[in-house]
Amino acid sequence: MGRSVTAILAFTAFSLVLTTSEAIYSKPENSLSGPYVAGGPNLAWWDLTGSAVLAGTVIRLTTDEPEKQGAIWNNFPNIMNDWEFHIQLHIHGKGVNLNGEGMAIWYVREPLLQGPIFGYKDRFNGLGLFIDTFEDPSHPHNHKHPYLSVVINDGSQHYEHHEDGTANQIGGCHLPVRNLEWPVRLAVSYISQTLSVFTDAEGLEQWSECFSSPGVQLPTGYYFGVSASTEVVTDNHDVVSITTLDMTPEGKFYEDRTHVIPHAQIVQIPARPRSSEEISEEELQKVDIKREVHQDEIMAEPAELHQKQESHPEPEKHHHPELEKHQIPEVLLPPQHKHEAEEPKPKVVEEPKPKKVEEPKVEPQASETEASKPASFWRKAFYIAGIGVLLYVAVSMFRSYMANRRERIQKRLY
């Protein structure tokens, strides 16, 4: 009895070791969930800035009003080498075509700052995920809106609002996020220096990969945060919940990466669409080239005419200054002036030499097509006859098979 109890205890201990080695732990000091009430224990690790307010089940960073900036920042630094950041957010408003500006998810060195980049400073140090919901018609792009772009910055890069962050992005995708009945989920995974982003915009709890980029260097000791801003165009930007997971595998030693400089090996440079001015300039250049070629073809004379003019020179016309002026725009003049200025030229043009060369080429083609008609007819007939023979053989074989089968059945019965 005692041996059986000890065996059971040993097995349970072994199973606990296996389960805990594969378990994924959430970090409460880097996570956030509602309900959101002032002074609640769930807000101990988070600070609100700007226009951010507690709204019961969500934290509203901006209301549907112009010139608003709000953010929520984690005041406990990240100490994990491998992690995942999950967020549920909701963007909604009255605007149909004019809305914005958007939201941003941060993992940066300096929190609690405000600026022009979705409520945070420009030339940041760290990671930025930008959800741009405003489509500027004056600056067309090759992607749909709303658009999610990800940028790794070491403090030297300037964020271009007109480019939607695509100038320095390491990845991005279209993210339909506005005016949905359910919150949109995002997952930012940083494991073994590979940054991946997954989205769930359909509310089916099924992840779809936005992109994955290897060779990303991110330090430890930075802070998570979420910000949003509005300008002339507006929206409500809500944070529903945040969950941060420790993805460090069992047995991996902690690595101090506080001195690592944010860097990405792969940076995407999307093709920039041409502006209307560039398109008009290219079209004008093409038109000019066509005009030049057309003028060259018109002014160029056949070699036969040049030979005949050399054999029959007219010194009076070539050396007379008045006739030389009229010879340059010969083709552009109406036909009456051509006859008045030069009488012998129509005789040269009326020669039907090229027509005689083209006429005999048409006759053999017609005869060949007529000769090929009976050949094609007999070929089709041969194919049809072959198909008929095959069908006849198949039917006869089937009949013989059925007859043999009936005989076998009768022999078995009797």
Protein backbone atom coordinates (compact mmCIF):
# COMPACT_ATOMS: atom_id res chain seq x y z
CA MET A 1 0.00 0.00 0.00
CA GLY A 2 2.78 2.40 0.91
CA ARG A 3 4.66 1.60 -2.27
CA SER A 4 1.58 2.33 -4.40
CA VAL A 5 1.03 5.71 -2.70
CA THR A 6 4.67 6.69 -3.23
CA ALA A 7 4.45 5.63 -6.88
CA ILE A 8 1.32 7.75 -7.40
CA LEU A 9 2.98 10.74 -5.75
CA ALA A 10 6.09 10.33 -7.90
CA PHE A 11 3.98 10.13 -11.08
CA THR A 12 2.00 13.27 -10.18
CA ALA A 13 5.20 15.15 -9.39
CA PHE A 14 6.68 14.10 -12.72
CA SER A 15 3.52 15.19 -14.58
CA LEU A 16 3.60 18.56 -12.84
CA VAL A 17 7.18 19.06 -13.95
CA LEU A 18 6.21 18.29 -17.54
CA THR A 19 3.23 20.62 -17.52
CA THR A 20 5.08 23.49 -15.90
CA SER A 21 8.00 23.17 -18.32
CA GLU A 22 5.62 23.72 -21.26
CA ALA A 23 3.38 26.29 -19.56
CA ILE A 24 3.16 29.89 -20.70
CA TYR A 25 2.98 32.44 -17.92
CA SER A 26 1.20 35.77 -18.09
CA LYS A 27 2.90 38.72 -16.47
CA PRO A 28 0.36 40.57 -14.29
CA GLU A 29 2.63 43.60 -13.91
CA ASN A 30 2.59 44.01 -17.72
CA SER A 31 -1.09 43.10 -18.26
CA LEU A 32 -4.36 44.99 -17.94
CA SER A 33 -8.03 44.00 -17.79
CA GLY A 34 -11.33 45.57 -16.73
CA PRO A 35 -13.55 46.69 -15.19
CA TYR A 36 -11.74 50.00 -14.97
CA VAL A 37 -12.52 52.00 -11.86
CA ALA A 38 -10.44 54.79 -10.40
CA GLY A 39 -8.10 53.40 -7.74
CA GLY A 40 -8.59 49.79 -8.83
CA PRO A 41 -5.74 47.33 -8.24
CA ASN A 42 -5.64 46.44 -11.93
CA LEU A 43 -4.40 49.99 -12.69
CA ALA A 44 -1.48 49.93 -10.26
CA TRP A 45 1.07 49.23 -13.01
CA TRP A 46 -0.39 51.65 -15.56
CA ASP A 47 -0.48 55.44 -16.01
CA LEU A 48 -2.95 57.46 -18.08
CA THR A 49 -1.89 60.59 -19.94
CA GLY A 50 -3.61 63.25 -22.03
CA SER A 51 -7.28 62.72 -22.86
CA ALA A 52 -7.35 59.05 -21.71
CA VAL A 53 -10.22 58.29 -19.31
CA LEU A 54 -11.71 55.24 -17.59
CA ALA A 55 -14.98 54.19 -19.24
CA GLY A 56 -16.09 51.11 -17.31
CA THR A 57 -15.24 48.18 -19.56
CA VAL A 58 -12.69 50.08 -21.67
CA ILE A 59 -10.05 52.77 -21.39
CA ARG A 60 -10.94 55.49 -23.89
CA LEU A 61 -7.80 57.16 -25.17
CA THR A 62 -9.64 59.74 -27.28
CA THR A 63 -13.26 60.65 -27.76
CA ASP A 64 -14.83 61.34 -31.15
CA GLU A 65 -13.65 64.96 -30.99
CA PRO A 66 -10.90 66.88 -32.80
CA GLU A 67 -7.45 67.70 -31.40
CA LYS A 68 -7.25 64.91 -28.81
CA GLN A 69 -4.23 62.91 -27.60
CA GLY A 70 -4.36 60.14 -25.03
CA ALA A 71 -2.21 57.21 -23.94
CA ILE A 72 -1.79 54.51 -21.34
CA TRP A 73 1.71 53.46 -20.25
CA ASN A 74 3.03 50.48 -18.34
CA ASN A 75 5.25 51.74 -15.50
CA PHE A 76 6.91 48.35 -15.00
CA PRO A 77 9.71 47.65 -17.54
CA ASN A 78 9.83 44.47 -19.55
CA ILE A 79 12.53 42.08 -18.33
CA MET A 80 11.73 39.15 -20.64
CA ASN A 81 13.90 38.16 -23.59
CA ASP A 82 11.05 36.35 -25.37
CA TRP A 83 7.52 37.69 -24.99
CA GLU A 84 4.11 38.16 -26.56
CA PHE A 85 1.94 41.25 -26.24
CA HIS A 86 -1.81 40.67 -26.80
CA ILE A 87 -4.22 43.58 -27.00
CA GLN A 88 -7.94 43.97 -27.67
CA LEU A 89 -8.95 47.35 -29.06
CA HIS A 90 -11.99 49.05 -30.51
CA ILE A 91 -12.04 51.99 -32.94
CA HIS A 92 -15.40 53.51 -33.81
CA GLY A 93 -16.94 56.84 -34.69
CA LYS A 94 -19.52 58.75 -36.67
CA GLY A 95 -17.33 59.37 -39.69
CA VAL A 96 -17.76 57.21 -42.78
CA ASN A 97 -15.05 58.37 -45.16
CA LEU A 98 -13.30 60.97 -43.00
CA ASN A 99 -12.04 59.48 -39.76
CA GLY A 100 -8.82 59.09 -37.85
CA GLU A 101 -6.09 59.57 -37.03
CA GLY A 102 -5.41 56.15 -35.54
CA MET A 103 -3.68 54.22 -32.75
CA ALA A 104 -0.14 53.09 -31.96
CA ILE A 105 1.30 50.30 -29.82
CA TRP A 106 4.71 51.05 -28.33
CA TYR A 107 7.67 49.26 -26.81
CA VAL A 108 10.03 52.19 -26.21
CA ARG A 109 12.72 53.47 -23.92
CA GLU A 110 11.00 56.67 -22.77
CA PRO A 111 7.32 56.42 -21.75
CA LEU A 112 4.84 59.13 -20.71
CA LEU A 113 5.82 61.52 -23.51
CA GLN A 114 3.53 63.27 -25.97
CA GLY A 115 4.13 64.23 -29.57
CA PRO A 116 2.84 64.27 -33.16
CA ILE A 117 3.09 60.52 -33.87
CA PHE A 118 -0.32 59.26 -32.75
CA GLY A 119 0.16 61.03 -29.44
CA TYR A 120 3.85 60.13 -28.89
CA LYS A 121 7.20 61.72 -29.77
CA ASP A 122 8.92 61.50 -33.12
CA ARG A 123 12.34 59.79 -33.53
CA PHE A 124 11.56 57.26 -30.82
CA ASN A 125 13.80 54.46 -29.56
CA GLY A 126 12.22 51.01 -29.85
CA LEU A 127 9.25 49.40 -31.55
CA GLY A 128 6.14 51.09 -32.93
CA LEU A 129 2.99 49.50 -34.43
CA PHE A 130 0.83 52.07 -36.20
CA ILE A 131 -2.83 51.62 -37.12
CA ASP A 132 -3.49 54.45 -39.57
CA THR A 133 -7.22 54.82 -40.25
CA PHE A 134 -7.07 58.10 -42.21
CA GLU A 135 -6.68 57.81 -45.98
CA ASP A 136 -5.26 61.03 -47.38
CA PRO A 137 -6.50 61.45 -50.98
CA SER A 138 -3.66 63.87 -51.78
CA HIS A 139 -1.07 61.13 -51.06
CA PRO A 140 -2.14 57.84 -52.72
CA HIS A 141 -0.68 54.50 -51.60
CA ASN A 142 -0.49 50.94 -52.83
CA HIS A 143 -2.37 49.57 -49.80
CA LYS A 144 -5.86 49.77 -48.37
CA HIS A 145 -6.87 51.64 -45.25
CA PRO A 146 -6.89 51.11 -42.33
CA TYR A 147 -3.27 49.96 -42.55
CA LEU A 148 -1.02 48.40 -39.90
CA SER A 149 2.71 49.13 -40.22
CA VAL A 150 5.59 48.23 -37.90
CA VAL A 151 8.78 50.28 -37.53
CA ILE A 152 11.99 49.64 -35.57
CA ASN A 153 13.70 52.94 -34.73
CA ASP A 154 16.97 53.76 -33.00
CA GLY A 155 16.03 57.42 -32.56
CA SER A 156 17.39 58.60 -35.92
CA GLN A 157 14.42 57.97 -38.20
CA HIS A 158 11.62 60.45 -38.82
CA TYR A 159 8.09 59.12 -39.12
CA GLU A 160 6.33 60.32 -42.28
CA HIS A 161 2.57 60.60 -41.80
CA HIS A 162 2.04 60.93 -45.56
CA GLU A 163 3.77 57.59 -46.10
CA ASP A 164 1.78 55.84 -43.31
CA GLY A 165 5.04 54.59 -41.83
CA THR A 166 5.79 52.45 -44.90
CA ALA A 167 9.03 54.28 -45.67
CA ASN A 168 10.89 52.46 -42.84
CA GLN A 169 8.56 49.58 -42.06
CA ILE A 170 9.70 46.00 -41.54
CA GLY A 171 6.21 44.72 -42.36
CA GLY A 172 2.56 45.62 -42.58
CA CYS A 173 -0.90 44.59 -43.73
CA HIS A 174 -4.44 45.82 -44.23
CA LEU A 175 -6.46 45.73 -41.00
CA PRO A 176 -10.22 46.45 -41.16
CA VAL A 177 -10.68 47.75 -37.62
CA ARG A 178 -13.35 50.48 -37.66
CA ASN A 179 -16.97 50.28 -36.47
CA LEU A 180 -17.02 46.57 -35.72
CA GLU A 181 -19.37 44.95 -33.22
CA TRP A 182 -16.49 43.08 -31.57
CA PRO A 183 -13.03 44.18 -30.45
CA VAL A 184 -10.08 43.54 -32.75
CA ARG A 185 -7.27 41.42 -31.36
CA LEU A 186 -3.57 41.90 -32.08
CA ALA A 187 -0.67 39.70 -31.00
CA VAL A 188 2.93 40.91 -31.17
CA SER A 189 5.36 38.01 -30.75
CA TYR A 190 9.09 38.46 -30.17
CA ILE A 191 10.80 35.07 -29.88
CA SER A 192 14.43 34.29 -30.71
CA GLN A 193 14.92 37.71 -32.34
CA THR A 194 12.00 37.14 -34.73
CA LEU A 195 9.17 39.65 -34.65
CA SER A 196 5.75 38.42 -35.83
CA VAL A 197 2.36 40.13 -35.81
CA PHE A 198 -0.96 38.27 -35.88
CA THR A 199 -4.45 39.75 -36.22
CA ASP A 200 -8.04 38.68 -35.58
CA ALA A 201 -10.39 41.24 -37.08
CA GLU A 202 -13.33 38.92 -37.81
CA GLY A 203 -14.10 37.98 -34.21
CA LEU A 204 -13.71 34.24 -34.87
CA GLU A 205 -10.79 33.77 -32.45
CA GLN A 206 -8.62 32.62 -35.34
CA TRP A 207 -5.24 34.24 -35.86
CA SER A 208 -4.03 35.30 -39.29
CA GLU A 209 -0.40 36.26 -39.78
CA CYS A 210 0.23 39.84 -40.83
CA PHE A 211 3.98 39.39 -41.30
CA SER A 212 7.09 37.87 -39.71
CA SER A 213 10.56 39.41 -39.77
CA PRO A 214 13.72 37.67 -38.50
CA GLY A 215 16.85 39.42 -37.32
CA VAL A 216 15.14 42.03 -35.11
CA GLN A 217 17.14 43.36 -32.17
CA LEU A 218 15.10 44.67 -29.25
CA PRO A 219 16.50 45.43 -25.79
CA THR A 220 15.07 44.59 -22.38
CA GLY A 221 14.06 47.27 -19.90
CA TYR A 222 11.76 49.15 -22.31
CA TYR A 223 8.10 50.02 -21.60
CA PHE A 224 4.84 48.98 -23.26
CA GLY A 225 2.25 51.59 -24.11
CA VAL A 226 -0.76 52.41 -26.30
CA SER A 227 -1.59 55.87 -27.65
CA ALA A 228 -4.07 57.50 -30.02
CA SER A 229 -4.73 60.92 -31.50
CA THR A 230 -7.29 62.87 -33.50
CA GLU A 231 -6.93 66.04 -35.54
CA VAL A 232 -9.57 67.38 -37.90
CA VAL A 233 -10.82 63.84 -38.48
CA THR A 234 -11.92 61.99 -35.32
CA ASP A 235 -12.73 58.60 -33.80
CA ASN A 236 -13.20 56.90 -30.44
CA HIS A 237 -10.08 54.85 -29.61
CA ASP A 238 -10.64 52.26 -26.85
CA VAL A 239 -8.36 49.73 -25.16
CA VAL A 240 -10.30 46.69 -23.93
CA SER A 241 -7.54 44.55 -22.42
CA ILE A 242 -3.80 43.81 -22.54
CA THR A 243 -2.12 40.48 -21.79
CA THR A 244 1.66 40.03 -21.82
CA LEU A 245 3.03 36.48 -21.92
CA ASP A 246 6.47 35.20 -20.93
CA MET A 247 7.59 33.05 -23.87
CA THR A 248 11.04 32.22 -22.49
CA PRO A 249 11.58 28.45 -22.93
CA GLU A 250 12.42 26.32 -19.93
CA GLY A 251 16.14 26.09 -19.30
CA LYS A 252 17.05 29.24 -21.24
CA PHE A 253 19.19 31.61 -19.22
CA TYR A 254 18.27 35.26 -18.87
CA GLU A 255 20.28 37.55 -21.14
CA ASP A 256 20.85 41.16 -20.19
CA ARG A 257 19.93 43.09 -23.34
CA THR A 258 19.55 46.55 -21.84
CA HIS A 259 22.41 47.92 -23.98
CA VAL A 260 21.11 46.52 -27.28
CA ILE A 261 20.32 49.16 -29.92
CA PRO A 262 16.96 48.61 -31.70
CA HIS A 263 17.68 47.36 -35.19
CA ALA A 264 16.07 45.32 -37.98
CA GLN A 265 17.96 43.51 -40.71
CA ILE A 266 15.09 43.60 -43.21
CA VAL A 267 13.33 46.86 -44.06
CA GLN A 268 10.62 46.90 -46.70
CA ILE A 269 10.62 49.70 -49.24
CA PRO A 270 7.20 49.61 -50.94
CA ALA A 271 6.76 50.88 -54.47
CA ARG A 272 5.52 54.45 -54.33
CA PRO A 273 2.64 55.21 -56.71
CA ARG A 274 3.23 57.96 -59.23
CA SER A 275 1.67 61.33 -58.60
CA SER A 276 -0.53 63.10 -61.12
CA GLU A 277 2.28 65.54 -61.96
CA GLU A 278 4.75 62.72 -62.68
CA ILE A 279 2.20 60.91 -64.85
CA SER A 280 1.44 64.07 -66.84
CA GLU A 281 5.16 64.74 -67.40
CA GLU A 282 5.75 61.20 -68.66
CA GLU A 283 2.76 61.39 -70.98
CA LEU A 284 4.00 64.71 -72.39
CA GLN A 285 7.42 63.18 -73.03
CA LYS A 286 5.81 60.26 -74.85
CA VAL A 287 3.73 62.64 -76.97
CA ASP A 288 6.83 64.67 -77.86
CA ILE A 289 8.69 61.50 -78.88
CA LYS A 290 5.76 60.39 -81.05
CA ARG A 291 5.66 63.80 -82.71
CA GLU A 292 9.36 63.69 -83.49
CA VAL A 293 9.09 60.20 -84.97
CA HIS A 294 6.05 61.19 -87.00
CA GLN A 295 7.81 64.26 -88.38
CA ASP A 296 10.88 62.18 -89.25
CA GLU A 297 8.71 59.70 -91.14
CA ILE A 298 6.93 62.47 -93.00
CA MET A 299 10.09 64.39 -93.93
CA ALA A 300 11.95 61.23 -94.94
CA GLU A 301 11.60 60.44 -98.66
CA PRO A 302 11.91 57.01 -100.31
CA ALA A 303 15.26 56.01 -101.67
CA GLU A 304 13.85 55.72 -105.19
CA LEU A 305 12.78 59.37 -105.21
CA HIS A 306 16.23 60.48 -104.12
CA GLN A 307 17.83 58.44 -106.90
CA LYS A 308 15.52 59.93 -109.52
CA GLN A 309 16.10 63.44 -108.28
CA GLU A 310 19.85 62.85 -108.54
CA SER A 311 19.47 61.51 -112.10
CA HIS A 312 17.29 64.52 -113.10
CA PRO A 313 18.74 67.52 -111.26
CA GLU A 314 16.96 70.84 -111.33
CA PRO A 315 19.51 73.51 -110.53
CA GLU A 316 17.05 76.36 -110.73
CA LYS A 317 14.86 75.00 -107.93
CA HIS A 318 17.69 73.94 -105.66
CA HIS A 319 19.63 77.19 -105.88
CA HIS A 320 16.71 79.62 -105.90
CA PRO A 321 16.23 80.97 -102.35
CA GLU A 322 12.47 81.31 -102.64
CA LEU A 323 11.95 77.71 -103.70
CA GLU A 324 14.25 76.46 -100.93
CA LYS A 325 11.92 78.02 -98.37
CA HIS A 326 8.96 76.21 -99.90
CA GLN A 327 10.70 72.83 -100.02
CA ILE A 328 10.96 72.44 -96.22
CA PRO A 329 7.22 72.43 -95.44
CA GLU A 330 6.26 70.46 -98.55
CA VAL A 331 4.13 67.84 -96.85
CA LEU A 332 2.42 70.25 -94.49
CA LEU A 333 1.09 72.40 -97.37
CA PRO A 334 -2.34 71.69 -98.88
CA PRO A 335 -2.38 69.71 -102.16
CA GLN A 336 -3.06 72.84 -104.29
CA HIS A 337 0.24 74.47 -103.24
CA LYS A 338 2.12 71.24 -103.95
CA HIS A 339 0.96 71.19 -107.54
CA GLU A 340 1.77 74.86 -107.98
CA ALA A 341 5.25 74.61 -106.48
CA GLU A 342 6.35 71.31 -108.04
CA GLU A 343 4.59 69.86 -111.06
CA PRO A 344 6.70 66.77 -111.84
CA LYS A 345 6.39 65.17 -108.36
CA PRO A 346 2.91 63.67 -108.76
CA LYS A 347 4.17 61.63 -111.71
CA VAL A 348 6.71 59.92 -109.50
CA VAL A 349 4.25 59.15 -106.74
CA GLU A 350 1.68 57.58 -109.10
CA GLU A 351 3.98 54.73 -110.09
CA PRO A 352 2.22 51.46 -109.14
CA LYS A 353 5.39 49.43 -108.59
CA PRO A 354 4.78 48.38 -104.97
CA LYS A 355 1.24 47.22 -105.77
CA LYS A 356 2.47 44.74 -108.39
CA VAL A 357 4.78 43.13 -105.86
CA GLU A 358 2.00 42.63 -103.28
CA GLU A 359 -0.63 41.17 -105.67
CA PRO A 360 0.90 37.72 -106.36
CA LYS A 361 1.34 37.07 -102.63
CA VAL A 362 -2.40 36.86 -102.03
CA GLU A 363 -3.20 34.25 -104.69
CA PRO A 364 -1.23 31.25 -103.34
CA GLN A 365 -2.64 31.80 -99.86
CA ALA A 366 -6.19 31.44 -101.13
CA SER A 367 -5.30 28.29 -103.12
CA GLU A 368 -3.57 26.75 -100.12
CA THR A 369 -6.58 27.31 -97.88
CA GLU A 370 -8.88 25.80 -100.51
CA ALA A 371 -6.62 22.74 -100.85
CA SER A 372 -6.47 22.27 -97.09
CA LYS A 373 -10.26 22.13 -96.73
CA PRO A 374 -10.76 18.54 -98.02
CA ALA A 375 -7.78 17.34 -96.00
CA SER A 376 -9.28 18.69 -92.81
CA PHE A 377 -12.67 17.15 -93.71
CA TRP A 378 -11.21 13.65 -94.16
CA ARG A 379 -9.18 14.03 -90.99
CA LYS A 380 -12.31 14.81 -88.99
CA ALA A 381 -14.14 11.93 -90.61
CA PHE A 382 -11.30 9.55 -89.71
CA TYR A 383 -11.45 10.69 -86.06
CA ILE A 384 -15.22 10.20 -85.90
CA ALA A 385 -14.92 6.71 -87.42
CA GLY A 386 -12.24 5.78 -84.89
CA ILE A 387 -14.41 6.92 -82.02
CA GLY A 388 -17.32 4.87 -83.38
CA VAL A 389 -15.16 1.73 -83.58
CA LEU A 390 -14.00 2.20 -80.00
CA LEU A 391 -17.59 2.59 -78.79
CA TYR A 392 -18.66 -0.54 -80.68
CA VAL A 393 -15.84 -2.60 -79.17
CA ALA A 394 -16.64 -1.31 -75.69
CA VAL A 395 -20.35 -2.17 -76.02
CA SER A 396 -19.62 -5.67 -77.35
CA MET A 397 -17.19 -6.38 -74.52
CA PHE A 398 -19.74 -5.18 -71.97
CA ARG A 399 -22.42 -7.44 -73.45
CA SER A 400 -20.13 -10.48 -73.39
CA TYR A 401 -19.20 -9.72 -69.79
CA MET A 402 -22.86 -9.53 -68.75
CA ALA A 403 -23.67 -12.77 -70.54
CA ASN A 404 -20.82 -14.61 -68.80
CA ARG A 405 -21.93 -13.20 -65.47
CA ARG A 406 -25.48 -14.46 -65.98
CA GLU A 407 -24.18 -17.93 -66.81
CA ARG A 408 -22.11 -17.99 -63.62
CA ILE A 409 -25.09 -16.92 -61.51
CA GLN A 410 -27.30 -19.64 -63.06
CA LYS A 411 -24.65 -22.30 -62.42
CA ARG A 412 -24.45 -21.29 -58.77
CA LEU A 413 -28.24 -21.39 -58.36
CA TYR A 414 -28.75 -24.76 -60.05
